Amino acid sequence: LGKWIGTLIVVLGLSIGATFLYMFGNFFLKDLVREKFLNKFGNAVKRNKIKRRLKNIINEAVKQISIKFNYSYLVIAKSSMLDNDYTNIKETLFQELKKIK
């Protein structure tokens, strides 16, 4: 009988403790977690859109411009790319790639 009462006390204690810990985390830490991780994952759509645009432009540039493949090229994108028109970005990047020859 003593084992069962001890087991019951432990199970209830763990359940109540876990519930209080969940309530504490939900009440006090929810905003902190949201603030830390929302910025990391919230901008993924924007980053992916910029990546897709750059990949498409570079693929077209490889077909149309003679690019030296024995070099490495670093293209750094700014957040203003989201506001610019695709053709404007393409023309600018083509002009810069033509200067490299």
PDB file of N, CA and C in Angstrom:
ATOM      1  N   LEU A   1       0.833  -1.205   0.000  1.00  0.00           N
ATOM      2  CA  LEU A   1       0.000   0.000   0.000  1.00  0.00           C
ATOM      3  C   LEU A   1       0.868   1.256   0.000  1.00  0.00           C
ATOM      4  N   GLY A   2       1.999   1.207   0.680  1.00  0.00           N
ATOM      5  CA  GLY A   2       2.887   2.363   0.770  1.00  0.00           C
ATOM      6  C   GLY A   2       3.505   2.728  -0.569  1.00  0.00           C
ATOM      7  N   LYS A   3       3.823   1.690  -1.376  1.00  0.00           N
ATOM      8  CA  LYS A   3       4.391   1.955  -2.691  1.00  0.00           C
ATOM      9  C   LYS A   3       3.402   2.710  -3.581  1.00  0.00           C
ATOM     10  N   TRP A   4       2.144   2.310  -3.517  1.00  0.00           N
ATOM     11  CA  TRP A   4       1.126   2.922  -4.364  1.00  0.00           C
ATOM     12  C   TRP A   4       0.873   4.372  -3.971  1.00  0.00           C
ATOM     13  N   ILE A   5       0.856   4.643  -2.726  1.00  0.00           N
ATOM     14  CA  ILE A   5       0.646   6.023  -2.267  1.00  0.00           C
ATOM     15  C   ILE A   5       1.843   6.893  -2.659  1.00  0.00           C
ATOM     16  N   GLY A   6       3.042   6.354  -2.504  1.00  0.00           N
ATOM     17  CA  GLY A   6       4.248   7.084  -2.905  1.00  0.00           C
ATOM     18  C   GLY A   6       4.264   7.359  -4.400  1.00  0.00           C
ATOM     19  N   THR A   7       3.896   6.337  -5.181  1.00  0.00           N
ATOM     20  CA  THR A   7       3.841   6.505  -6.630  1.00  0.00           C
ATOM     21  C   THR A   7       2.806   7.552  -7.012  1.00  0.00           C
ATOM     22  N   LEU A   8       1.643   7.523  -6.384  1.00  0.00           N
ATOM     23  CA  LEU A   8       0.583   8.486  -6.652  1.00  0.00           C
ATOM     24  C   LEU A   8       1.043   9.907  -6.319  1.00  0.00           C
ATOM     25  N   ILE A   9       1.720  10.068  -5.200  1.00  0.00           N
ATOM     26  CA  ILE A   9       2.216  11.396  -4.805  1.00  0.00           C
ATOM     27  C   ILE A   9       3.246  11.910  -5.822  1.00  0.00           C
ATOM     28  N   VAL A  10       4.142  11.026  -6.241  1.00  0.00           N
ATOM     29  CA  VAL A  10       5.162  11.433  -7.216  1.00  0.00           C
ATOM     30  C   VAL A  10       4.521  11.815  -8.551  1.00  0.00           C
ATOM     31  N   VAL A  11       3.581  11.009  -9.032  1.00  0.00           N
ATOM     32  CA  VAL A  11       2.922  11.285 -10.310  1.00  0.00           C
ATOM     33  C   VAL A  11       2.155  12.601 -10.240  1.00  0.00           C
ATOM     34  N   LEU A  12       1.412  12.818  -9.165  1.00  0.00           N
ATOM     35  CA  LEU A  12       0.670  14.072  -9.012  1.00  0.00           C
ATOM     36  C   LEU A  12       1.627  15.263  -8.901  1.00  0.00           C
ATOM     37  N   GLY A  13       2.701  15.085  -8.152  1.00  0.00           N
ATOM     38  CA  GLY A  13       3.670  16.173  -8.002  1.00  0.00           C
ATOM     39  C   GLY A  13       4.315  16.547  -9.329  1.00  0.00           C
ATOM     40  N   LEU A  14       4.696  15.535 -10.107  1.00  0.00           N
ATOM     41  CA  LEU A  14       5.295  15.807 -11.416  1.00  0.00           C
ATOM     42  C   LEU A  14       4.294  16.461 -12.364  1.00  0.00           C
ATOM     43  N   SER A  15       3.058  15.996 -12.335  1.00  0.00           N
ATOM     44  CA  SER A  15       2.030  16.567 -13.210  1.00  0.00           C
ATOM     45  C   SER A  15       1.755  18.021 -12.849  1.00  0.00           C
ATOM     46  N   ILE A  16       1.619  18.286 -11.583  1.00  0.00           N
ATOM     47  CA  ILE A  16       1.352  19.661 -11.140  1.00  0.00           C
ATOM     48  C   ILE A  16       2.560  20.551 -11.428  1.00  0.00           C
ATOM     49  N   GLY A  17       3.755  20.034 -11.187  1.00  0.00           N
ATOM     50  CA  GLY A  17       4.967  20.806 -11.472  1.00  0.00           C
ATOM     51  C   GLY A  17       5.104  21.121 -12.950  1.00  0.00           C
ATOM     52  N   ALA A  18       4.834  20.143 -13.793  1.00  0.00           N
ATOM     53  CA  ALA A  18       4.912  20.364 -15.231  1.00  0.00           C
ATOM     54  C   ALA A  18       3.866  21.378 -15.683  1.00  0.00           C
ATOM     55  N   THR A  19       2.679  21.316 -15.089  1.00  0.00           N
ATOM     56  CA  THR A  19       1.631  22.269 -15.439  1.00  0.00           C
ATOM     57  C   THR A  19       2.033  23.683 -15.056  1.00  0.00           C
ATOM     58  N   PHE A  20       2.578  23.853 -13.852  1.00  0.00           N
ATOM     59  CA  PHE A  20       3.022  25.175 -13.422  1.00  0.00           C
ATOM     60  C   PHE A  20       4.178  25.688 -14.283  1.00  0.00           C
ATOM     61  N   LEU A  21       5.081  24.812 -14.637  1.00  0.00           N
ATOM     62  CA  LEU A  21       6.203  25.201 -15.489  1.00  0.00           C
ATOM     63  C   LEU A  21       5.698  25.641 -16.862  1.00  0.00           C
ATOM     64  N   TYR A  22       4.722  24.930 -17.421  1.00  0.00           N
ATOM     65  CA  TYR A  22       4.142  25.299 -18.714  1.00  0.00           C
ATOM     66  C   TYR A  22       3.450  26.657 -18.616  1.00  0.00           C
ATOM     67  N   MET A  23       2.684  26.869 -17.542  1.00  0.00           N
ATOM     68  CA  MET A  23       1.980  28.137 -17.368  1.00  0.00           C
ATOM     69  C   MET A  23       2.970  29.291 -17.206  1.00  0.00           C
ATOM     70  N   PHE A  24       4.047  29.065 -16.469  1.00  0.00           N
ATOM     71  CA  PHE A  24       5.075  30.082 -16.282  1.00  0.00           C
ATOM     72  C   PHE A  24       5.722  30.443 -17.618  1.00  0.00           C
ATOM     73  N   GLY A  25       6.104  29.425 -18.375  1.00  0.00           N
ATOM     74  CA  GLY A  25       6.728  29.661 -19.674  1.00  0.00           C
ATOM     75  C   GLY A  25       5.786  30.343 -20.645  1.00  0.00           C
ATOM     76  N   ASN A  26       4.542  29.937 -20.638  1.00  0.00           N
ATOM     77  CA  ASN A  26       3.562  30.512 -21.544  1.00  0.00           C
ATOM     78  C   ASN A  26       3.279  31.967 -21.182  1.00  0.00           C
ATOM     79  N   PHE A  27       3.248  32.275 -19.900  1.00  0.00           N
ATOM     80  CA  PHE A  27       2.905  33.628 -19.452  1.00  0.00           C
ATOM     81  C   PHE A  27       4.098  34.574 -19.553  1.00  0.00           C
ATOM     82  N   PHE A  28       5.269  34.149 -19.083  1.00  0.00           N
ATOM     83  CA  PHE A  28       6.408  35.054 -18.991  1.00  0.00           C
ATOM     84  C   PHE A  28       7.364  34.992 -20.182  1.00  0.00           C
ATOM     85  N   LEU A  29       7.544  33.844 -20.777  1.00  0.00           N
ATOM     86  CA  LEU A  29       8.570  33.686 -21.794  1.00  0.00           C
ATOM     87  C   LEU A  29       8.044  33.691 -23.226  1.00  0.00           C
ATOM     88  N   LYS A  30       6.739  33.736 -23.397  1.00  0.00           N
ATOM     89  CA  LYS A  30       6.150  33.648 -24.736  1.00  0.00           C
ATOM     90  C   LYS A  30       6.608  34.801 -25.629  1.00  0.00           C
ATOM     91  N   ASP A  31       6.581  36.023 -25.104  1.00  0.00           N
ATOM     92  CA  ASP A  31       6.990  37.180 -25.890  1.00  0.00           C
ATOM     93  C   ASP A  31       8.483  37.141 -26.205  1.00  0.00           C
ATOM     94  N   LEU A  32       9.286  36.688 -25.255  1.00  0.00           N
ATOM     95  CA  LEU A  32      10.725  36.595 -25.465  1.00  0.00           C
ATOM     96  C   LEU A  32      11.053  35.609 -26.582  1.00  0.00           C
ATOM     97  N   VAL A  33      10.430  34.446 -26.553  1.00  0.00           N
ATOM     98  CA  VAL A  33      10.668  33.434 -27.579  1.00  0.00           C
ATOM     99  C   VAL A  33      10.183  33.934 -28.936  1.00  0.00           C
ATOM    100  N   ARG A  34       9.028  34.557 -28.965  1.00  0.00           N
ATOM    101  CA  ARG A  34       8.479  35.083 -30.217  1.00  0.00           C
ATOM    102  C   ARG A  34       9.407  36.154 -30.792  1.00  0.00           C
ATOM    103  N   GLU A  35       9.918  37.033 -29.940  1.00  0.00           N
ATOM    104  CA  GLU A  35      10.804  38.102 -30.388  1.00  0.00           C
ATOM    105  C   GLU A  35      12.122  37.553 -30.930  1.00  0.00           C
ATOM    106  N   LYS A  36      12.663  36.521 -30.300  1.00  0.00           N
ATOM    107  CA  LYS A  36      13.948  35.968 -30.720  1.00  0.00           C
ATOM    108  C   LYS A  36      13.841  35.210 -32.038  1.00  0.00           C
ATOM    109  N   PHE A  37      12.797  34.419 -32.214  1.00  0.00           N
ATOM    110  CA  PHE A  37      12.729  33.513 -33.364  1.00  0.00           C
ATOM    111  C   PHE A  37      11.896  34.034 -34.520  1.00  0.00           C
ATOM    112  N   LEU A  38      11.024  35.001 -34.291  1.00  0.00           N
ATOM    113  CA  LEU A  38      10.186  35.500 -35.374  1.00  0.00           C
ATOM    114  C   LEU A  38      11.025  36.212 -36.429  1.00  0.00           C
ATOM    115  N   ASN A  39      12.022  36.966 -35.992  1.00  0.00           N
ATOM    116  CA  ASN A  39      12.862  37.679 -36.947  1.00  0.00           C
ATOM    117  C   ASN A  39      13.689  36.714 -37.785  1.00  0.00           C
ATOM    118  N   LYS A  40      14.093  35.595 -37.210  1.00  0.00           N
ATOM    119  CA  LYS A  40      14.912  34.645 -37.948  1.00  0.00           C
ATOM    120  C   LYS A  40      14.105  33.914 -39.006  1.00  0.00           C
ATOM    121  N   PHE A  41      12.877  33.555 -38.688  1.00  0.00           N
ATOM    122  CA  PHE A  41      12.082  32.762 -39.616  1.00  0.00           C
ATOM    123  C   PHE A  41      11.070  33.591 -40.387  1.00  0.00           C
ATOM    124  N   GLY A  42      10.761  34.798 -39.935  1.00  0.00           N
ATOM    125  CA  GLY A  42       9.767  35.636 -40.596  1.00  0.00           C
ATOM    126  C   GLY A  42      10.260  36.224 -41.900  1.00  0.00           C
ATOM    127  N   ASN A  43      11.574  36.396 -42.019  1.00  0.00           N
ATOM    128  CA  ASN A  43      12.126  37.002 -43.221  1.00  0.00           C
ATOM    129  C   ASN A  43      12.534  35.968 -44.271  1.00  0.00           C
ATOM    130  N   ALA A  44      12.270  34.714 -44.018  1.00  0.00           N
ATOM    131  CA  ALA A  44      12.684  33.660 -44.953  1.00  0.00           C
ATOM    132  C   ALA A  44      12.007  33.819 -46.310  1.00  0.00           C
ATOM    133  N   VAL A  45      10.770  34.248 -46.324  1.00  0.00           N
ATOM    134  CA  VAL A  45      10.051  34.428 -47.588  1.00  0.00           C
ATOM    135  C   VAL A  45      10.730  35.508 -48.421  1.00  0.00           C
ATOM    136  N   LYS A  46      11.118  36.592 -47.770  1.00  0.00           N
ATOM    137  CA  LYS A  46      11.777  37.690 -48.485  1.00  0.00           C
ATOM    138  C   LYS A  46      13.146  37.245 -49.004  1.00  0.00           C
ATOM    139  N   ARG A  47      13.907  36.553 -48.143  1.00  0.00           N
ATOM    140  CA  ARG A  47      15.230  36.076 -48.567  1.00  0.00           C
ATOM    141  C   ARG A  47      15.108  35.128 -49.753  1.00  0.00           C
ATOM    142  N   ASN A  48      14.136  34.239 -49.708  1.00  0.00           N
ATOM    143  CA  ASN A  48      13.965  33.270 -50.792  1.00  0.00           C
ATOM    144  C   ASN A  48      13.552  33.954 -52.093  1.00  0.00           C
ATOM    145  N   LYS A  49      12.754  35.008 -51.991  1.00  0.00           N
ATOM    146  CA  LYS A  49      12.354  35.739 -53.190  1.00  0.00           C
ATOM    147  C   LYS A  49      13.572  36.393 -53.835  1.00  0.00           C
ATOM    148  N   ILE A  50      14.436  36.995 -53.018  1.00  0.00           N
ATOM    149  CA  ILE A  50      15.648  37.617 -53.539  1.00  0.00           C
ATOM    150  C   ILE A  50      16.563  36.561 -54.151  1.00  0.00           C
ATOM    151  N   LYS A  51      16.701  35.418 -53.489  1.00  0.00           N
ATOM    152  CA  LYS A  51      17.538  34.333 -54.022  1.00  0.00           C
ATOM    153  C   LYS A  51      17.017  33.855 -55.370  1.00  0.00           C
ATOM    154  N   ARG A  52      15.702  33.671 -55.478  1.00  0.00           N
ATOM    155  CA  ARG A  52      15.117  33.214 -56.754  1.00  0.00           C
ATOM    156  C   ARG A  52      15.379  34.226 -57.860  1.00  0.00           C
ATOM    157  N   ARG A  53      15.210  35.508 -57.549  1.00  0.00           N
ATOM    158  CA  ARG A  53      15.455  36.543 -58.550  1.00  0.00           C
ATOM    159  C   ARG A  53      16.909  36.514 -59.016  1.00  0.00           C
ATOM    160  N   LEU A  54      17.829  36.448 -58.064  1.00  0.00           N
ATOM    161  CA  LEU A  54      19.246  36.448 -58.422  1.00  0.00           C
ATOM    162  C   LEU A  54      19.626  35.203 -59.221  1.00  0.00           C
ATOM    163  N   LYS A  55      19.105  34.046 -58.829  1.00  0.00           N
ATOM    164  CA  LYS A  55      19.405  32.822 -59.575  1.00  0.00           C
ATOM    165  C   LYS A  55      18.926  32.927 -61.021  1.00  0.00           C
ATOM    166  N   ASN A  56      17.715  33.437 -61.205  1.00  0.00           N
ATOM    167  CA  ASN A  56      17.182  33.580 -62.565  1.00  0.00           C
ATOM    168  C   ASN A  56      18.011  34.553 -63.388  1.00  0.00           C
ATOM    169  N   ILE A  57      18.394  35.666 -62.776  1.00  0.00           N
ATOM    170  CA  ILE A  57      19.180  36.670 -63.501  1.00  0.00           C
ATOM    171  C   ILE A  57      20.552  36.112 -63.868  1.00  0.00           C
ATOM    172  N   ILE A  58      21.181  35.426 -62.925  1.00  0.00           N
ATOM    173  CA  ILE A  58      22.507  34.854 -63.190  1.00  0.00           C
ATOM    174  C   ILE A  58      22.418  33.780 -64.270  1.00  0.00           C
ATOM    175  N   ASN A  59      21.382  32.958 -64.241  1.00  0.00           N
ATOM    176  CA  ASN A  59      21.208  31.940 -65.287  1.00  0.00           C
ATOM    177  C   ASN A  59      21.067  32.586 -66.675  1.00  0.00           C
ATOM    178  N   GLU A  60      20.323  33.679 -66.750  1.00  0.00           N
ATOM    179  CA  GLU A  60      20.189  34.387 -68.020  1.00  0.00           C
ATOM    180  C   GLU A  60      21.514  35.031 -68.420  1.00  0.00           C
ATOM    181  N   ALA A  61      22.243  35.550 -67.443  1.00  0.00           N
ATOM    182  CA  ALA A  61      23.522  36.203 -67.734  1.00  0.00           C
ATOM    183  C   ALA A  61      24.526  35.205 -68.270  1.00  0.00           C
ATOM    184  N   VAL A  62      24.529  34.000 -67.739  1.00  0.00           N
ATOM    185  CA  VAL A  62      25.455  32.963 -68.211  1.00  0.00           C
ATOM    186  C   VAL A  62      25.178  32.637 -69.677  1.00  0.00           C
ATOM    187  N   LYS A  63      23.920  32.650 -70.057  1.00  0.00           N
ATOM    188  CA  LYS A  63      23.557  32.331 -71.442  1.00  0.00           C
ATOM    189  C   LYS A  63      23.878  33.477 -72.406  1.00  0.00           C
ATOM    190  N   GLN A  64      23.763  34.724 -71.930  1.00  0.00           N
ATOM    191  CA  GLN A  64      23.870  35.869 -72.835  1.00  0.00           C
ATOM    192  C   GLN A  64      25.229  36.563 -72.811  1.00  0.00           C
ATOM    193  N   ILE A  65      25.924  36.504 -71.687  1.00  0.00           N
ATOM    194  CA  ILE A  65      27.191  37.221 -71.543  1.00  0.00           C
ATOM    195  C   ILE A  65      28.309  36.194 -71.409  1.00  0.00           C
ATOM    196  N   SER A  66      29.453  36.498 -71.968  1.00  0.00           N
ATOM    197  CA  SER A  66      30.590  35.587 -71.800  1.00  0.00           C
ATOM    198  C   SER A  66      31.214  35.850 -70.423  1.00  0.00           C
ATOM    199  N   ILE A  67      30.919  34.961 -69.512  1.00  0.00           N
ATOM    200  CA  ILE A  67      31.410  35.092 -68.140  1.00  0.00           C
ATOM    201  C   ILE A  67      32.549  34.101 -67.949  1.00  0.00           C
ATOM    202  N   LYS A  68      33.621  34.556 -67.328  1.00  0.00           N
ATOM    203  CA  LYS A  68      34.762  33.684 -67.071  1.00  0.00           C
ATOM    204  C   LYS A  68      34.443  32.796 -65.866  1.00  0.00           C
ATOM    205  N   PHE A  69      34.456  31.499 -66.100  1.00  0.00           N
ATOM    206  CA  PHE A  69      34.095  30.574 -65.036  1.00  0.00           C
ATOM    207  C   PHE A  69      35.273  30.175 -64.152  1.00  0.00           C
ATOM    208  N   ASN A  70      36.480  30.655 -64.480  1.00  0.00           N
ATOM    209  CA  ASN A  70      37.605  30.334 -63.615  1.00  0.00           C
ATOM    210  C   ASN A  70      37.739  31.342 -62.468  1.00  0.00           C
ATOM    211  N   TYR A  71      36.783  32.242 -62.335  1.00  0.00           N
ATOM    212  CA  TYR A  71      36.728  33.191 -61.225  1.00  0.00           C
ATOM    213  C   TYR A  71      35.503  32.900 -60.365  1.00  0.00           C
ATOM    214  N   SER A  72      35.546  33.389 -59.148  1.00  0.00           N
ATOM    215  CA  SER A  72      34.375  33.322 -58.265  1.00  0.00           C
ATOM    216  C   SER A  72      33.757  34.715 -58.207  1.00  0.00           C
ATOM    217  N   TYR A  73      32.472  34.765 -58.289  1.00  0.00           N
ATOM    218  CA  TYR A  73      31.756  36.028 -58.247  1.00  0.00           C
ATOM    219  C   TYR A  73      30.902  36.071 -56.981  1.00  0.00           C
ATOM    220  N   LEU A  74      30.937  37.183 -56.294  1.00  0.00           N
ATOM    221  CA  LEU A  74      30.150  37.360 -55.085  1.00  0.00           C
ATOM    222  C   LEU A  74      29.112  38.441 -55.346  1.00  0.00           C
ATOM    223  N   VAL A  75      27.863  38.076 -55.251  1.00  0.00           N
ATOM    224  CA  VAL A  75      26.766  39.022 -55.449  1.00  0.00           C
ATOM    225  C   VAL A  75      26.106  39.225 -54.097  1.00  0.00           C
ATOM    226  N   ILE A  76      26.131  40.459 -53.623  1.00  0.00           N
ATOM    227  CA  ILE A  76      25.531  40.784 -52.330  1.00  0.00           C
ATOM    228  C   ILE A  76      24.216  41.507 -52.590  1.00  0.00           C
ATOM    229  N   ALA A  77      23.156  40.966 -52.060  1.00  0.00           N
ATOM    230  CA  ALA A  77      21.828  41.535 -52.281  1.00  0.00           C
ATOM    231  C   ALA A  77      21.452  42.456 -51.126  1.00  0.00           C
ATOM    232  N   LYS A  78      20.819  43.550 -51.471  1.00  0.00           N
ATOM    233  CA  LYS A  78      20.297  44.470 -50.458  1.00  0.00           C
ATOM    234  C   LYS A  78      18.790  44.255 -50.345  1.00  0.00           C
ATOM    235  N   SER A  79      18.254  44.668 -49.222  1.00  0.00           N
ATOM    236  CA  SER A  79      16.812  44.487 -49.011  1.00  0.00           C
ATOM    237  C   SER A  79      15.992  45.344 -49.970  1.00  0.00           C
ATOM    238  N   SER A  80      16.600  46.375 -50.563  1.00  0.00           N
ATOM    239  CA  SER A  80      15.874  47.218 -51.519  1.00  0.00           C
ATOM    240  C   SER A  80      15.547  46.471 -52.805  1.00  0.00           C
ATOM    241  N   MET A  81      16.144  45.279 -53.000  1.00  0.00           N
ATOM    242  CA  MET A  81      15.830  44.471 -54.181  1.00  0.00           C
ATOM    243  C   MET A  81      14.357  44.084 -54.226  1.00  0.00           C
ATOM    244  N   LEU A  82      13.742  43.974 -53.070  1.00  0.00           N
ATOM    245  CA  LEU A  82      12.322  43.597 -53.038  1.00  0.00           C
ATOM    246  C   LEU A  82      11.452  44.687 -53.638  1.00  0.00           C
ATOM    247  N   ASP A  83      11.891  45.942 -53.515  1.00  0.00           N
ATOM    248  CA  ASP A  83      11.096  47.060 -54.013  1.00  0.00           C
ATOM    249  C   ASP A  83      11.351  47.341 -55.485  1.00  0.00           C
ATOM    250  N   ASN A  84      12.525  46.959 -55.983  1.00  0.00           N
ATOM    251  CA  ASN A  84      12.879  47.236 -57.378  1.00  0.00           C
ATOM    252  C   ASN A  84      12.205  46.255 -58.330  1.00  0.00           C
ATOM    253  N   ASP A  85      12.054  46.713 -59.551  1.00  0.00           N
ATOM    254  CA  ASP A  85      11.478  45.890 -60.606  1.00  0.00           C
ATOM    255  C   ASP A  85      12.512  44.857 -61.071  1.00  0.00           C
ATOM    256  N   TYR A  86      12.044  43.703 -61.469  1.00  0.00           N
ATOM    257  CA  TYR A  86      12.929  42.618 -61.907  1.00  0.00           C
ATOM    258  C   TYR A  86      13.812  43.060 -63.074  1.00  0.00           C
ATOM    259  N   THR A  87      13.223  43.751 -64.053  1.00  0.00           N
ATOM    260  CA  THR A  87      13.999  44.169 -65.226  1.00  0.00           C
ATOM    261  C   THR A  87      15.071  45.185 -64.839  1.00  0.00           C
ATOM    262  N   ASN A  88      14.774  46.037 -63.878  1.00  0.00           N
ATOM    263  CA  ASN A  88      15.752  47.022 -63.413  1.00  0.00           C
ATOM    264  C   ASN A  88      16.946  46.322 -62.757  1.00  0.00           C
ATOM    265  N   ILE A  89      16.669  45.341 -61.925  1.00  0.00           N
ATOM    266  CA  ILE A  89      17.736  44.578 -61.259  1.00  0.00           C
ATOM    267  C   ILE A  89      18.553  43.840 -62.313  1.00  0.00           C
ATOM    268  N   LYS A  90      17.862  43.243 -63.270  1.00  0.00           N
ATOM    269  CA  LYS A  90      18.530  42.472 -64.320  1.00  0.00           C
ATOM    270  C   LYS A  90      19.458  43.363 -65.145  1.00  0.00           C
ATOM    271  N   GLU A  91      18.972  44.515 -65.560  1.00  0.00           N
ATOM    272  CA  GLU A  91      19.794  45.434 -66.356  1.00  0.00           C
ATOM    273  C   GLU A  91      21.015  45.902 -65.571  1.00  0.00           C
ATOM    274  N   THR A  92      20.824  46.236 -64.314  1.00  0.00           N
ATOM    275  CA  THR A  92      21.932  46.695 -63.481  1.00  0.00           C
ATOM    276  C   THR A  92      22.984  45.608 -63.328  1.00  0.00           C
ATOM    277  N   LEU A  93      22.544  44.397 -63.039  1.00  0.00           N
ATOM    278  CA  LEU A  93      23.489  43.297 -62.847  1.00  0.00           C
ATOM    279  C   LEU A  93      24.199  42.947 -64.162  1.00  0.00           C
ATOM    280  N   PHE A  94      23.484  42.991 -65.275  1.00  0.00           N
ATOM    281  CA  PHE A  94      24.109  42.722 -66.580  1.00  0.00           C
ATOM    282  C   PHE A  94      25.183  43.765 -66.880  1.00  0.00           C
ATOM    283  N   GLN A  95      24.897  45.047 -66.602  1.00  0.00           N
ATOM    284  CA  GLN A  95      25.875  46.103 -66.838  1.00  0.00           C
ATOM    285  C   GLN A  95      27.134  45.865 -66.008  1.00  0.00           C
ATOM    286  N   GLU A  96      26.947  45.487 -64.751  1.00  0.00           N
ATOM    287  CA  GLU A  96      28.097  45.264 -63.876  1.00  0.00           C
ATOM    288  C   GLU A  96      28.897  44.030 -64.310  1.00  0.00           C
ATOM    289  N   LEU A  97      28.214  42.993 -64.743  1.00  0.00           N
ATOM    290  CA  LEU A  97      28.919  41.792 -65.196  1.00  0.00           C
ATOM    291  C   LEU A  97      29.687  42.048 -66.497  1.00  0.00           C
ATOM    292  N   LYS A  98      29.152  42.907 -67.361  1.00  0.00           N
ATOM    293  CA  LYS A  98      29.848  43.226 -68.602  1.00  0.00           C
ATOM    294  C   LYS A  98      31.125  44.022 -68.342  1.00  0.00           C
ATOM    295  N   LYS A  99      31.155  44.792 -67.266  1.00  0.00           N
ATOM    296  CA  LYS A  99      32.338  45.594 -66.920  1.00  0.00           C
ATOM    297  C   LYS A  99      33.494  44.705 -66.483  1.00  0.00           C
ATOM    298  N   ILE A 100      33.214  43.516 -66.005  1.00  0.00           N
ATOM    299  CA  ILE A 100      34.243  42.639 -65.427  1.00  0.00           C
ATOM    300  C   ILE A 100      35.190  42.097 -66.475  1.00  0.00           C
ATOM    301  N   LYS A 101      34.774  41.939 -67.686  1.00  0.00           N
ATOM    302  CA  LYS A 101      35.575  41.350 -68.744  1.00  0.00           C
ATOM    303  C   LYS A 101      37.007  41.778 -68.641  1.00  0.00           C
TER     304      LYS A 101
END
